[in-house]
Structure formats: C-alpha cells, structure tokens
Amino acid sequence: MADKARVCIRRAESYEPSVVEAAVGAAVEALGGWGAFVRPGDRVLVKPNCISATPADQHAQTHPAVILEVCRQLLDFGARPFVGDSPAWSSLEANLGKLGILPDLARLGVPVVSFNRPVHTDNPRGHVFRRLTVDRAALEADAIVNLPKLKAHRQLLMTVVIKNMFGCVNGRRKAWWHVKAGSYENYFANMLVDVFEMLRPAVNIVDAIVAMEGKGPVNGTPRPMGLVMASTDGPALERVVAHVVGVKPGQLRTLHAARELGVGTPWLEQIEVDGPPLDELRVTDFDLPRLIPIGFSIPRFVKGSFRQAWMTRLADKAQASECV
C-alpha cells in the first residue's frame, strides 16, 4: 500500500500569540517545515475563512492570531504572503477590519487582496467540472495556505478544509452555485471538491482552538477544542476532523464527494496521525445543526444579491470611518 496520508495535531489552549506560534510551528515542522510547501520569494495566498463582518470572539472567522502567525512564519521563511478571500457577506476589508487585524497586516507589509477578478479557466484535474470560474489571484499564487475554521454548517453539516476554498469563487457566483445545486444530488459538494482539487493548497491548517457548533457557519455557539490541525492532504484532514467531532463520513457531503471522485485520502485507516491519540480528542456532544436545503430559489438569489451589495456598501463605509 502507498504511504499513508499524514495529519498533524497540536494542542493550543488559547489564542495567546506564543501559544499559537508554538502550535502552528510544531504542526508545520512535523510535515517537513515551510520548505516542504513553498520556496523563498514565492507569492503565497493565505486563505482564511472570512465569511462576515463579525468580531473574533464570535468565532465565525479564522482567528486573527492564526492568520497573523502564519503570515509571520511565511515572512520569516522568505516568502511573500498576501491574504485573500471573497466573503459571502460584506467585503474582505470590512471583515478583516472587524477582526482588528488590518493594522497588524499593514505593519508586516502583508497585502490584502479582495477577489474581484474572476477567470473562467480549464480544470484539468476536474472530475465533474472541466472548467470553473475562480479568482485570478488564487490561480496566479505560487502556493496556497488554506486556513479554515472548524464550524458547523446548516447546509453541509460542517465546513472545514474543502469548503473553505469556495472562497476563491467570486462574490455572487457563490449564490448562483446554490441556485444550481438544488437540482442534482451532491452537485454542490462535487463542485466544492473540484474547486479544491483545481487549486490544491500546499498545506491546510485548521483553526480548531475554538470551533463553532450549532447554527453555523455564522450564528452558532463557540466551542473550545484547543487544537491546531494540519495536513497537505485536505480530505484526510477533513476525515480526521469529522472523526474527532463524531461525524460519520457518509453524513458529510464533501467527504462523500471526495470518496466518490477519488480525491485525497478520506479513509481513516489510510491516515497517519501525528499527535495525541484520536480517542483522547473525540467529543461526543458536539452540537450539529438540523440541515436546511443547499439550493437557493431565483427570487432568493436576486434578493440576496441586492442585500449583499447594500451590506457591503454599509460595511465599507463603516470601515472607512473607523480608519479616519
């Protein structure tokens, strides 16, 4: 049998910078160090989960301490990181501003790049979608570091590694995928896996120091987990996360799609875990949401598009006033 996929788990009981530095550094080092993923001088997209203009203590977005630490380590290695995303609500600048991270990124010299340059391009590794539209900044990056937040999700049960790369699809195109998703079984999850496989992050680092359970991905309840989890194999990492929170792989659409399409290593017996024994980490009472439909109706799509444009305008004005 081929070598097992490797997932590294390190404990981190808080977002104190020294704690995050140690956990992220140890997880990356166990995977071979930054030199295994990037080269000095590379432009590296740091892709957090920036879903809405919510503060860090709501835990709907990747925590600023994790984003900053990854950027610092990349800079120390000699890479050129930039933070990019296309949020579901509001703008990237407003969402990062709500996290209070913009001044720190500016001091580090790390650019913030909003995804507003969609490119319809071939997807040679695609299993279902041979062409996809994603942002040019993601396509042109020398490497991608995927920084998802572990969260419950009312449409997909959970959002972790694979779903986070959907942020490289621009703006309202996300909503259009939801419109199309209602007609076909696992259509949406197949698309998510194909987007992930197209962009293929060099490494995935999950912020599970405090997760979100319940009515995620925005309005759930913070759930301390005390973990940083990393792997170069996204489906393998997602499978381990699912095991830790008590989700069967058949329940999680993204894992089911990865298995069906042969992407990554979504089989627990083929994964080597470097870190505490999984039995010590498992939780039996993680609050999972009651699922609602993935698909949007056309009226909801139109209404949501206008609402998104209006909320983005208001958030950007508020962010601008805070910077005066």
C-alpha atoms as a PDB file:
ATOM      1  CA  MET A   1       0.000   0.000   0.000  1.00  0.00           C
ATOM      2  CA  ALA A   2       1.155   3.552  -0.711  1.00  0.00           C
ATOM      3  CA  ASP A   3       2.425   5.722   2.132  1.00  0.00           C
ATOM      4  CA  LYS A   4      -0.309   6.915   4.439  1.00  0.00           C
ATOM      5  CA  ALA A   5      -1.528  10.498   4.390  1.00  0.00           C
ATOM      6  CA  ARG A   6      -0.214  12.441   7.368  1.00  0.00           C
ATOM      7  CA  VAL A   7      -2.276  14.647   9.666  1.00  0.00           C
ATOM      8  CA  CYS A   8      -0.533  16.572  12.453  1.00  0.00           C
ATOM      9  CA  ILE A   9      -2.409  17.720  15.546  1.00  0.00           C
ATOM     10  CA  ARG A  10      -1.052  20.031  18.222  1.00  0.00           C
ATOM     11  CA  ARG A  11      -2.762  21.318  21.337  1.00  0.00           C
ATOM     12  CA  ALA A  12      -3.340  25.050  21.740  1.00  0.00           C
ATOM     13  CA  GLU A  13      -5.449  26.067  24.701  1.00  0.00           C
ATOM     14  CA  SER A  14      -5.748  29.756  23.805  1.00  0.00           C
ATOM     15  CA  TYR A  15      -5.105  32.354  21.118  1.00  0.00           C
ATOM     16  CA  GLU A  16      -2.194  33.859  23.003  1.00  0.00           C
ATOM     17  CA  PRO A  17       0.431  34.635  20.329  1.00  0.00           C
ATOM     18  CA  SER A  18       3.095  32.444  21.935  1.00  0.00           C
ATOM     19  CA  VAL A  19       0.662  29.505  22.151  1.00  0.00           C
ATOM     20  CA  VAL A  20      -0.414  29.866  18.524  1.00  0.00           C
ATOM     21  CA  GLU A  21       3.194  30.278  17.403  1.00  0.00           C
ATOM     22  CA  ALA A  22       4.220  27.044  19.116  1.00  0.00           C
ATOM     23  CA  ALA A  23       1.252  25.026  17.828  1.00  0.00           C
ATOM     24  CA  VAL A  24       1.396  26.214  14.223  1.00  0.00           C
ATOM     25  CA  GLY A  25       5.180  25.938  14.138  1.00  0.00           C
ATOM     26  CA  ALA A  26       5.169  22.401  15.542  1.00  0.00           C
ATOM     27  CA  ALA A  27       2.445  21.199  13.166  1.00  0.00           C
ATOM     28  CA  VAL A  28       4.204  22.644  10.121  1.00  0.00           C
ATOM     29  CA  GLU A  29       7.564  21.297  11.234  1.00  0.00           C
ATOM     30  CA  ALA A  30       6.088  17.811  11.627  1.00  0.00           C
ATOM     31  CA  LEU A  31       5.013  17.997   7.975  1.00  0.00           C
ATOM     32  CA  GLY A  32       8.539  18.891   6.842  1.00  0.00           C
ATOM     33  CA  GLY A  33       8.687  22.631   7.568  1.00  0.00           C
ATOM     34  CA  TRP A  34       7.709  25.523   5.326  1.00  0.00           C
ATOM     35  CA  GLY A  35      10.356  24.474   2.827  1.00  0.00           C
ATOM     36  CA  ALA A  36       8.235  21.433   2.005  1.00  0.00           C
ATOM     37  CA  PHE A  37       5.423  23.669   0.734  1.00  0.00           C
ATOM     38  CA  VAL A  38       6.870  26.961  -0.505  1.00  0.00           C
ATOM     39  CA  ARG A  39      10.114  28.483  -1.723  1.00  0.00           C
ATOM     40  CA  PRO A  40      11.736  31.767  -0.671  1.00  0.00           C
ATOM     41  CA  GLY A  41      10.326  34.521  -2.849  1.00  0.00           C
ATOM     42  CA  ASP A  42       7.048  32.716  -3.583  1.00  0.00           C
ATOM     43  CA  ARG A  43       3.825  34.736  -3.572  1.00  0.00           C
ATOM     44  CA  VAL A  44       1.676  32.750  -1.167  1.00  0.00           C
ATOM     45  CA  LEU A  45      -2.067  33.161  -0.839  1.00  0.00           C
ATOM     46  CA  VAL A  46      -3.108  32.862   2.804  1.00  0.00           C
ATOM     47  CA  LYS A  47      -6.780  31.902   2.526  1.00  0.00           C
ATOM     48  CA  PRO A  48      -8.673  32.274   5.829  1.00  0.00           C
ATOM     49  CA  ASN A  49     -12.387  31.850   6.374  1.00  0.00           C
ATOM     50  CA  CYS A  50     -13.661  35.434   6.198  1.00  0.00           C
ATOM     51  CA  ILE A  51     -17.399  34.977   5.985  1.00  0.00           C
ATOM     52  CA  SER A  52     -18.894  38.138   7.514  1.00  0.00           C
ATOM     53  CA  ALA A  53     -18.078  41.261   9.481  1.00  0.00           C
ATOM     54  CA  THR A  54     -18.044  39.577  12.883  1.00  0.00           C
ATOM     55  CA  PRO A  55     -15.595  40.039  15.775  1.00  0.00           C
ATOM     56  CA  ALA A  56     -13.013  37.441  16.706  1.00  0.00           C
ATOM     57  CA  ASP A  57     -14.904  36.346  19.826  1.00  0.00           C
ATOM     58  CA  GLN A  58     -17.882  35.237  17.715  1.00  0.00           C
ATOM     59  CA  HIS A  59     -15.580  32.627  16.103  1.00  0.00           C
ATOM     60  CA  ALA A  60     -17.291  32.745  12.704  1.00  0.00           C
ATOM     61  CA  GLN A  61     -13.991  33.623  11.009  1.00  0.00           C
ATOM     62  CA  THR A  62     -10.465  32.254  11.217  1.00  0.00           C
ATOM     63  CA  HIS A  63      -8.985  33.863  14.310  1.00  0.00           C
ATOM     64  CA  PRO A  64      -6.657  36.811  13.658  1.00  0.00           C
ATOM     65  CA  ALA A  65      -3.920  35.264  15.814  1.00  0.00           C
ATOM     66  CA  VAL A  66      -3.752  32.265  13.462  1.00  0.00           C
ATOM     67  CA  ILE A  67      -3.762  34.406  10.295  1.00  0.00           C
ATOM     68  CA  LEU A  68      -1.026  36.676  11.640  1.00  0.00           C
ATOM     69  CA  GLU A  69       1.153  33.824  12.867  1.00  0.00           C
ATOM     70  CA  VAL A  70       1.053  32.030   9.521  1.00  0.00           C
ATOM     71  CA  CYS A  71       1.934  35.284   7.753  1.00  0.00           C
ATOM     72  CA  ARG A  72       4.834  35.897  10.158  1.00  0.00           C
ATOM     73  CA  GLN A  73       6.228  32.420   9.650  1.00  0.00           C
ATOM     74  CA  LEU A  74       5.972  32.735   5.879  1.00  0.00           C
ATOM     75  CA  LEU A  75       7.771  36.089   6.012  1.00  0.00           C
ATOM     76  CA  ASP A  76      10.490  34.633   8.223  1.00  0.00           C
ATOM     77  CA  PHE A  77      10.944  31.872   5.661  1.00  0.00           C
ATOM     78  CA  GLY A  78      11.381  34.458   2.912  1.00  0.00           C
ATOM     79  CA  ALA A  79       8.034  34.019   1.153  1.00  0.00           C
ATOM     80  CA  ARG A  80       5.700  36.862   0.178  1.00  0.00           C
ATOM     81  CA  PRO A  81       2.289  36.179   1.708  1.00  0.00           C
ATOM     82  CA  PHE A  82      -0.929  38.003   0.892  1.00  0.00           C
ATOM     83  CA  VAL A  83      -4.359  37.499   2.473  1.00  0.00           C
ATOM     84  CA  GLY A  84      -7.194  36.938   0.033  1.00  0.00           C
ATOM     85  CA  ASP A  85     -10.840  35.864   0.047  1.00  0.00           C
ATOM     86  CA  SER A  86     -14.282  36.633  -1.377  1.00  0.00           C
ATOM     87  CA  PRO A  87     -16.629  36.670   1.617  1.00  0.00           C
ATOM     88  CA  ALA A  88     -20.231  35.538   1.469  1.00  0.00           C
ATOM     89  CA  TRP A  89     -21.256  38.730   3.272  1.00  0.00           C
ATOM     90  CA  SER A  90     -19.722  42.195   3.308  1.00  0.00           C
ATOM     91  CA  SER A  91     -16.225  42.832   1.927  1.00  0.00           C
ATOM     92  CA  LEU A  92     -12.877  41.308   2.798  1.00  0.00           C
ATOM     93  CA  GLU A  93     -11.570  44.614   4.153  1.00  0.00           C
ATOM     94  CA  ALA A  94     -14.625  45.106   6.363  1.00  0.00           C
ATOM     95  CA  ASN A  95     -14.489  41.534   7.658  1.00  0.00           C
ATOM     96  CA  LEU A  96     -10.774  41.691   8.444  1.00  0.00           C
ATOM     97  CA  GLY A  97     -11.329  45.120   9.926  1.00  0.00           C
ATOM     98  CA  LYS A  98     -13.897  43.675  12.316  1.00  0.00           C
ATOM     99  CA  LEU A  99     -11.263  41.150  13.381  1.00  0.00           C
ATOM    100  CA  GLY A 100      -8.938  44.080  14.149  1.00  0.00           C
ATOM    101  CA  ILE A 101      -6.180  42.604  12.018  1.00  0.00           C
ATOM    102  CA  LEU A 102      -5.687  45.248   9.319  1.00  0.00           C
ATOM    103  CA  PRO A 103      -3.124  47.411  11.206  1.00  0.00           C
ATOM    104  CA  ASP A 104      -1.055  44.318  12.053  1.00  0.00           C
ATOM    105  CA  LEU A 105      -1.070  43.105   8.452  1.00  0.00           C
ATOM    106  CA  ALA A 106      -0.026  46.580   7.320  1.00  0.00           C
ATOM    107  CA  ARG A 107       2.872  46.619   9.807  1.00  0.00           C
ATOM    108  CA  LEU A 108       4.008  43.254   8.478  1.00  0.00           C
ATOM    109  CA  GLY A 109       3.716  44.504   4.907  1.00  0.00           C
ATOM    110  CA  VAL A 110       1.207  41.772   4.006  1.00  0.00           C
ATOM    111  CA  PRO A 111      -1.240  42.910   1.305  1.00  0.00           C
ATOM    112  CA  VAL A 112      -4.978  42.263   1.482  1.00  0.00           C
ATOM    113  CA  VAL A 113      -6.375  41.198  -1.899  1.00  0.00           C
ATOM    114  CA  SER A 114     -10.126  41.140  -2.498  1.00  0.00           C
ATOM    115  CA  PHE A 115     -11.128  38.580  -5.079  1.00  0.00           C
ATOM    116  CA  ASN A 116     -12.736  40.616  -7.846  1.00  0.00           C
ATOM    117  CA  ARG A 117     -11.040  39.256 -10.982  1.00  0.00           C
ATOM    118  CA  PRO A 118     -12.931  36.106 -11.982  1.00  0.00           C
ATOM    119  CA  VAL A 119     -11.352  33.870 -14.620  1.00  0.00           C
ATOM    120  CA  HIS A 120     -13.156  31.043 -16.435  1.00  0.00           C
ATOM    121  CA  THR A 121     -10.426  28.501 -16.900  1.00  0.00           C
ATOM    122  CA  ASP A 122      -9.732  24.860 -17.674  1.00  0.00           C
ATOM    123  CA  ASN A 123      -9.707  22.445 -14.762  1.00  0.00           C
ATOM    124  CA  PRO A 124      -7.564  19.517 -15.958  1.00  0.00           C
ATOM    125  CA  ARG A 125      -7.871  17.721 -12.605  1.00  0.00           C
ATOM    126  CA  GLY A 126     -11.634  18.154 -12.558  1.00  0.00           C
ATOM    127  CA  HIS A 127     -13.738  15.032 -12.201  1.00  0.00           C
ATOM    128  CA  VAL A 128     -17.138  16.641 -12.835  1.00  0.00           C
ATOM    129  CA  PHE A 129     -16.402  20.237 -13.832  1.00  0.00           C
ATOM    130  CA  ARG A 130     -13.786  20.589 -16.562  1.00  0.00           C
ATOM    131  CA  ARG A 131     -13.967  24.385 -16.466  1.00  0.00           C
ATOM    132  CA  LEU A 132     -14.516  26.564 -13.418  1.00  0.00           C
ATOM    133  CA  THR A 133     -14.514  30.265 -12.609  1.00  0.00           C
ATOM    134  CA  VAL A 134     -12.219  31.281  -9.758  1.00  0.00           C
ATOM    135  CA  ASP A 135     -10.255  34.385  -8.928  1.00  0.00           C
ATOM    136  CA  ARG A 136      -7.106  35.238 -10.855  1.00  0.00           C
ATOM    137  CA  ALA A 137      -5.204  35.946  -7.615  1.00  0.00           C
ATOM    138  CA  ALA A 138      -5.735  32.355  -6.467  1.00  0.00           C
ATOM    139  CA  LEU A 139      -4.701  30.968  -9.858  1.00  0.00           C
ATOM    140  CA  GLU A 140      -1.566  33.096 -10.048  1.00  0.00           C
ATOM    141  CA  ALA A 141      -0.317  32.440  -6.497  1.00  0.00           C
ATOM    142  CA  ASP A 142       2.787  30.268  -6.328  1.00  0.00           C
ATOM    143  CA  ALA A 143       1.244  28.402  -3.389  1.00  0.00           C
ATOM    144  CA  ILE A 144      -1.870  28.495  -1.238  1.00  0.00           C
ATOM    145  CA  VAL A 145      -2.049  28.056   2.536  1.00  0.00           C
ATOM    146  CA  ASN A 146      -5.612  27.127   3.430  1.00  0.00           C
ATOM    147  CA  LEU A 147      -6.692  28.367   6.900  1.00  0.00           C
ATOM    148  CA  PRO A 148     -10.230  27.124   7.581  1.00  0.00           C
ATOM    149  CA  LYS A 149     -12.163  27.471  10.797  1.00  0.00           C
ATOM    150  CA  LEU A 150     -13.835  24.341  12.174  1.00  0.00           C
ATOM    151  CA  LYS A 151     -17.542  25.162  12.147  1.00  0.00           C
ATOM    152  CA  ALA A 152     -20.936  23.538  11.998  1.00  0.00           C
ATOM    153  CA  HIS A 153     -22.809  24.421   8.808  1.00  0.00           C
ATOM    154  CA  ARG A 154     -26.583  24.362   8.408  1.00  0.00           C
ATOM    155  CA  GLN A 155     -26.428  23.314   4.751  1.00  0.00           C
ATOM    156  CA  LEU A 156     -23.431  20.955   4.750  1.00  0.00           C
ATOM    157  CA  LEU A 157     -23.387  19.843   8.422  1.00  0.00           C
ATOM    158  CA  MET A 158     -19.786  21.033   8.754  1.00  0.00           C
ATOM    159  CA  THR A 159     -17.432  23.379   6.924  1.00  0.00           C
ATOM    160  CA  VAL A 160     -13.754  22.606   7.214  1.00  0.00           C
ATOM    161  CA  VAL A 161     -10.960  22.212   4.687  1.00  0.00           C
ATOM    162  CA  ILE A 162     -12.667  21.560   1.345  1.00  0.00           C
ATOM    163  CA  LYS A 163     -15.467  24.123   1.669  1.00  0.00           C
ATOM    164  CA  ASN A 164     -13.062  26.914   2.637  1.00  0.00           C
ATOM    165  CA  MET A 165     -11.594  27.028  -0.879  1.00  0.00           C
ATOM    166  CA  PHE A 166     -15.043  28.014  -2.184  1.00  0.00           C
ATOM    167  CA  GLY A 167     -13.986  31.493  -1.057  1.00  0.00           C
ATOM    168  CA  CYS A 168     -11.847  31.634  -4.215  1.00  0.00           C
ATOM    169  CA  VAL A 169     -15.080  31.730  -6.246  1.00  0.00           C
ATOM    170  CA  ASN A 170     -16.060  35.343  -6.666  1.00  0.00           C
ATOM    171  CA  GLY A 171     -18.953  37.084  -4.944  1.00  0.00           C
ATOM    172  CA  ARG A 172     -22.391  36.342  -6.304  1.00  0.00           C
ATOM    173  CA  ARG A 173     -21.158  33.369  -8.295  1.00  0.00           C
ATOM    174  CA  LYS A 174     -21.306  31.538  -4.965  1.00  0.00           C
ATOM    175  CA  ALA A 175     -25.020  32.241  -4.697  1.00  0.00           C
ATOM    176  CA  TRP A 176     -25.527  31.108  -8.290  1.00  0.00           C
ATOM    177  CA  TRP A 177     -23.938  27.756  -7.436  1.00  0.00           C
ATOM    178  CA  HIS A 178     -26.534  27.467  -4.672  1.00  0.00           C
ATOM    179  CA  VAL A 179     -29.279  28.119  -7.218  1.00  0.00           C
ATOM    180  CA  LYS A 180     -27.932  25.347  -9.441  1.00  0.00           C
ATOM    181  CA  ALA A 181     -27.282  22.985  -6.540  1.00  0.00           C
ATOM    182  CA  GLY A 182     -30.926  22.279  -5.785  1.00  0.00           C
ATOM    183  CA  SER A 183     -31.479  20.177  -8.890  1.00  0.00           C
ATOM    184  CA  TYR A 184     -28.886  17.415  -8.603  1.00  0.00           C
ATOM    185  CA  GLU A 185     -27.773  15.006  -5.893  1.00  0.00           C
ATOM    186  CA  ASN A 186     -24.426  16.095  -4.417  1.00  0.00           C
ATOM    187  CA  TYR A 187     -23.925  18.543  -7.302  1.00  0.00           C
ATOM    188  CA  PHE A 188     -22.766  21.251  -4.913  1.00  0.00           C
ATOM    189  CA  ALA A 189     -20.336  19.026  -2.997  1.00  0.00           C
ATOM    190  CA  ASN A 190     -18.854  17.707  -6.254  1.00  0.00           C
ATOM    191  CA  MET A 191     -18.217  21.292  -7.292  1.00  0.00           C
ATOM    192  CA  LEU A 192     -16.554  22.058  -3.947  1.00  0.00           C
ATOM    193  CA  VAL A 193     -14.230  19.085  -4.320  1.00  0.00           C
ATOM    194  CA  ASP A 194     -13.360  20.039  -7.896  1.00  0.00           C
ATOM    195  CA  VAL A 195     -12.568  23.628  -6.849  1.00  0.00           C
ATOM    196  CA  PHE A 196     -10.383  22.291  -4.052  1.00  0.00           C
ATOM    197  CA  GLU A 197      -8.598  19.893  -6.398  1.00  0.00           C
ATOM    198  CA  MET A 198      -8.142  22.618  -9.014  1.00  0.00           C
ATOM    199  CA  LEU A 199      -6.420  24.991  -6.575  1.00  0.00           C
ATOM    200  CA  ARG A 200      -4.828  22.235  -4.453  1.00  0.00           C
ATOM    201  CA  PRO A 201      -3.498  24.134  -1.391  1.00  0.00           C
ATOM    202  CA  ALA A 202       0.092  23.361  -0.482  1.00  0.00           C
ATOM    203  CA  VAL A 203      -0.902  22.910   3.155  1.00  0.00           C
ATOM    204  CA  ASN A 204      -4.131  23.138   5.165  1.00  0.00           C
ATOM    205  CA  ILE A 205      -4.104  24.387   8.765  1.00  0.00           C
ATOM    206  CA  VAL A 206      -7.389  24.203  10.688  1.00  0.00           C
ATOM    207  CA  ASP A 207      -8.167  26.709  13.428  1.00  0.00           C
ATOM    208  CA  ALA A 208      -9.898  24.418  15.923  1.00  0.00           C
ATOM    209  CA  ILE A 209      -8.689  26.251  19.018  1.00  0.00           C
ATOM    210  CA  VAL A 210     -12.252  27.455  19.400  1.00  0.00           C
ATOM    211  CA  ALA A 211     -14.686  25.909  16.928  1.00  0.00           C
ATOM    212  CA  MET A 212     -18.316  26.809  16.222  1.00  0.00           C
ATOM    213  CA  GLU A 213     -21.162  24.380  16.840  1.00  0.00           C
ATOM    214  CA  GLY A 214     -24.917  24.704  16.428  1.00  0.00           C
ATOM    215  CA  LYS A 215     -26.311  27.126  13.852  1.00  0.00           C
ATOM    216  CA  GLY A 216     -23.107  27.747  11.907  1.00  0.00           C
ATOM    217  CA  PRO A 217     -21.452  28.996   9.840  1.00  0.00           C
ATOM    218  CA  VAL A 218     -22.138  32.464  11.337  1.00  0.00           C
ATOM    219  CA  ASN A 219     -24.670  32.314  14.158  1.00  0.00           C
ATOM    220  CA  GLY A 220     -23.531  29.239  16.042  1.00  0.00           C
ATOM    221  CA  THR A 221     -22.039  28.849  19.506  1.00  0.00           C
ATOM    222  CA  PRO A 222     -18.285  28.921  20.242  1.00  0.00           C
ATOM    223  CA  ARG A 223     -16.954  25.516  21.297  1.00  0.00           C
ATOM    224  CA  PRO A 224     -13.419  25.334  22.772  1.00  0.00           C
ATOM    225  CA  MET A 225     -11.479  22.443  21.222  1.00  0.00           C
ATOM    226  CA  GLY A 226      -7.879  23.519  21.917  1.00  0.00           C
ATOM    227  CA  LEU A 227      -6.438  22.160  18.662  1.00  0.00           C
ATOM    228  CA  VAL A 228      -4.455  23.176  15.597  1.00  0.00           C
ATOM    229  CA  MET A 229      -4.629  20.524  12.867  1.00  0.00           C
ATOM    230  CA  ALA A 230      -2.608  20.427   9.639  1.00  0.00           C
ATOM    231  CA  SER A 231      -2.034  18.309   6.553  1.00  0.00           C
ATOM    232  CA  THR A 232      -1.056  18.558   2.912  1.00  0.00           C
ATOM    233  CA  ASP A 233      -3.952  16.177   2.162  1.00  0.00           C
ATOM    234  CA  GLY A 234      -7.177  18.141   2.573  1.00  0.00           C
ATOM    235  CA  PRO A 235      -9.670  15.250   2.532  1.00  0.00           C
ATOM    236  CA  ALA A 236      -7.511  13.330   5.026  1.00  0.00           C
ATOM    237  CA  LEU A 237      -7.569  16.294   7.391  1.00  0.00           C
ATOM    238  CA  GLU A 238     -11.315  16.690   6.937  1.00  0.00           C
ATOM    239  CA  ARG A 239     -11.797  12.992   7.707  1.00  0.00           C
ATOM    240  CA  VAL A 240      -9.840  13.283  10.955  1.00  0.00           C
ATOM    241  CA  VAL A 241     -11.800  16.388  11.974  1.00  0.00           C
ATOM    242  CA  ALA A 242     -15.061  14.545  11.305  1.00  0.00           C
ATOM    243  CA  HIS A 243     -13.895  11.649  13.478  1.00  0.00           C
ATOM    244  CA  VAL A 244     -12.984  13.981  16.330  1.00  0.00           C
ATOM    245  CA  VAL A 245     -16.420  15.651  16.401  1.00  0.00           C
ATOM    246  CA  GLY A 246     -18.345  12.424  15.853  1.00  0.00           C
ATOM    247  CA  VAL A 247     -19.471  12.896  12.250  1.00  0.00           C
ATOM    248  CA  LYS A 248     -19.649   9.797  10.069  1.00  0.00           C
ATOM    249  CA  PRO A 249     -18.067  10.316   6.625  1.00  0.00           C
ATOM    250  CA  GLY A 250     -21.343   9.441   4.909  1.00  0.00           C
ATOM    251  CA  GLN A 251     -23.017  12.332   6.728  1.00  0.00           C
ATOM    252  CA  LEU A 252     -20.590  14.913   5.350  1.00  0.00           C
ATOM    253  CA  ARG A 253     -21.284  15.727   1.704  1.00  0.00           C
ATOM    254  CA  THR A 254     -17.760  16.937   0.997  1.00  0.00           C
ATOM    255  CA  LEU A 255     -16.176  13.732   2.293  1.00  0.00           C
ATOM    256  CA  HIS A 256     -18.705  11.635   0.404  1.00  0.00           C
ATOM    257  CA  ALA A 257     -17.870  13.534  -2.802  1.00  0.00           C
ATOM    258  CA  ALA A 258     -14.113  13.188  -2.207  1.00  0.00           C
ATOM    259  CA  ARG A 259     -14.553   9.428  -1.832  1.00  0.00           C
ATOM    260  CA  GLU A 260     -16.728   9.151  -4.931  1.00  0.00           C
ATOM    261  CA  LEU A 261     -14.337  11.251  -7.031  1.00  0.00           C
ATOM    262  CA  GLY A 262     -11.138   9.688  -5.710  1.00  0.00           C
ATOM    263  CA  VAL A 263      -9.673  12.930  -4.360  1.00  0.00           C
ATOM    264  CA  GLY A 264      -7.225  12.809  -1.463  1.00  0.00           C
ATOM    265  CA  THR A 265      -7.355  10.248   1.322  1.00  0.00           C
ATOM    266  CA  PRO A 266     -10.768  10.381   3.026  1.00  0.00           C
ATOM    267  CA  TRP A 267     -10.301   6.938   4.629  1.00  0.00           C
ATOM    268  CA  LEU A 268      -9.271   6.890   8.289  1.00  0.00           C
ATOM    269  CA  GLU A 269      -7.366   3.615   8.024  1.00  0.00           C
ATOM    270  CA  GLN A 270      -5.101   5.192   5.385  1.00  0.00           C
ATOM    271  CA  ILE A 271      -4.200   8.187   7.549  1.00  0.00           C
ATOM    272  CA  GLU A 272      -1.303   8.500   9.993  1.00  0.00           C
ATOM    273  CA  VAL A 273      -1.993  10.909  12.850  1.00  0.00           C
ATOM    274  CA  ASP A 274       0.976  12.697  14.421  1.00  0.00           C
ATOM    275  CA  GLY A 275      -0.202  13.994  17.772  1.00  0.00           C
ATOM    276  CA  PRO A 276      -2.420  12.952  20.677  1.00  0.00           C
ATOM    277  CA  PRO A 277      -4.403   9.726  20.198  1.00  0.00           C
ATOM    278  CA  LEU A 278      -7.705  10.449  18.481  1.00  0.00           C
ATOM    279  CA  ASP A 279      -9.625   8.679  21.244  1.00  0.00           C
ATOM    280  CA  GLU A 280      -8.364  11.338  23.671  1.00  0.00           C
ATOM    281  CA  LEU A 281      -9.603  14.125  21.405  1.00  0.00           C
ATOM    282  CA  ARG A 282     -13.045  12.839  20.463  1.00  0.00           C
ATOM    283  CA  VAL A 283     -16.075  14.755  21.685  1.00  0.00           C
ATOM    284  CA  THR A 284     -19.452  13.075  21.936  1.00  0.00           C
ATOM    285  CA  ASP A 285     -21.643  16.146  22.351  1.00  0.00           C
ATOM    286  CA  PHE A 286     -20.615  18.449  19.501  1.00  0.00           C
ATOM    287  CA  ASP A 287     -23.865  20.222  18.602  1.00  0.00           C
ATOM    288  CA  LEU A 288     -24.585  19.609  14.918  1.00  0.00           C
ATOM    289  CA  PRO A 289     -27.288  21.602  13.145  1.00  0.00           C
ATOM    290  CA  ARG A 290     -30.548  20.450  11.632  1.00  0.00           C
ATOM    291  CA  LEU A 291     -29.885  20.662   7.901  1.00  0.00           C
ATOM    292  CA  ILE A 292     -31.639  23.065   5.563  1.00  0.00           C
ATOM    293  CA  PRO A 293     -31.631  22.868   1.733  1.00  0.00           C
ATOM    294  CA  ILE A 294     -28.455  23.844  -0.128  1.00  0.00           C
ATOM    295  CA  GLY A 295     -30.281  25.224  -3.159  1.00  0.00           C
ATOM    296  CA  PHE A 296     -31.491  28.826  -3.458  1.00  0.00           C
ATOM    297  CA  SER A 297     -34.544  29.884  -5.435  1.00  0.00           C
ATOM    298  CA  ILE A 298     -34.149  32.507  -8.155  1.00  0.00           C
ATOM    299  CA  PRO A 299     -36.072  35.146  -6.109  1.00  0.00           C
ATOM    300  CA  ARG A 300     -33.836  34.446  -3.101  1.00  0.00           C
ATOM    301  CA  PHE A 301     -30.763  34.760  -5.316  1.00  0.00           C
ATOM    302  CA  VAL A 302     -31.898  38.159  -6.642  1.00  0.00           C
ATOM    303  CA  LYS A 303     -32.912  39.402  -3.196  1.00  0.00           C
ATOM    304  CA  GLY A 304     -29.632  38.175  -1.704  1.00  0.00           C
ATOM    305  CA  SER A 305     -27.581  39.846  -4.418  1.00  0.00           C
ATOM    306  CA  PHE A 306     -29.158  43.228  -3.697  1.00  0.00           C
ATOM    307  CA  ARG A 307     -28.810  42.691   0.048  1.00  0.00           C
ATOM    308  CA  GLN A 308     -25.144  41.704  -0.323  1.00  0.00           C
ATOM    309  CA  ALA A 309     -24.379  44.803  -2.389  1.00  0.00           C
ATOM    310  CA  TRP A 310     -26.108  47.033   0.176  1.00  0.00           C
ATOM    311  CA  MET A 311     -24.473  45.380   3.211  1.00  0.00           C
ATOM    312  CA  THR A 312     -21.056  45.571   1.554  1.00  0.00           C
ATOM    313  CA  ARG A 313     -21.528  49.273   0.939  1.00  0.00           C
ATOM    314  CA  LEU A 314     -22.542  49.903   4.550  1.00  0.00           C
ATOM    315  CA  ALA A 315     -19.674  47.813   5.946  1.00  0.00           C
ATOM    316  CA  ASP A 316     -17.110  49.520   3.753  1.00  0.00           C
ATOM    317  CA  LYS A 317     -18.375  52.952   4.816  1.00  0.00           C
ATOM    318  CA  ALA A 318     -18.173  51.922   8.475  1.00  0.00           C
ATOM    319  CA  GLN A 319     -14.652  50.565   7.981  1.00  0.00           C
ATOM    320  CA  ALA A 320     -13.590  53.766   6.257  1.00  0.00           C
ATOM    321  CA  SER A 321     -14.959  55.903   9.086  1.00  0.00           C
ATOM    322  CA  GLU A 322     -13.057  53.810  11.662  1.00  0.00           C
ATOM    323  CA  CYS A 323      -9.818  54.445   9.765  1.00  0.00           C
ATOM    324  CA  VAL A 324     -10.224  58.239   9.758  1.00  0.00           C
END
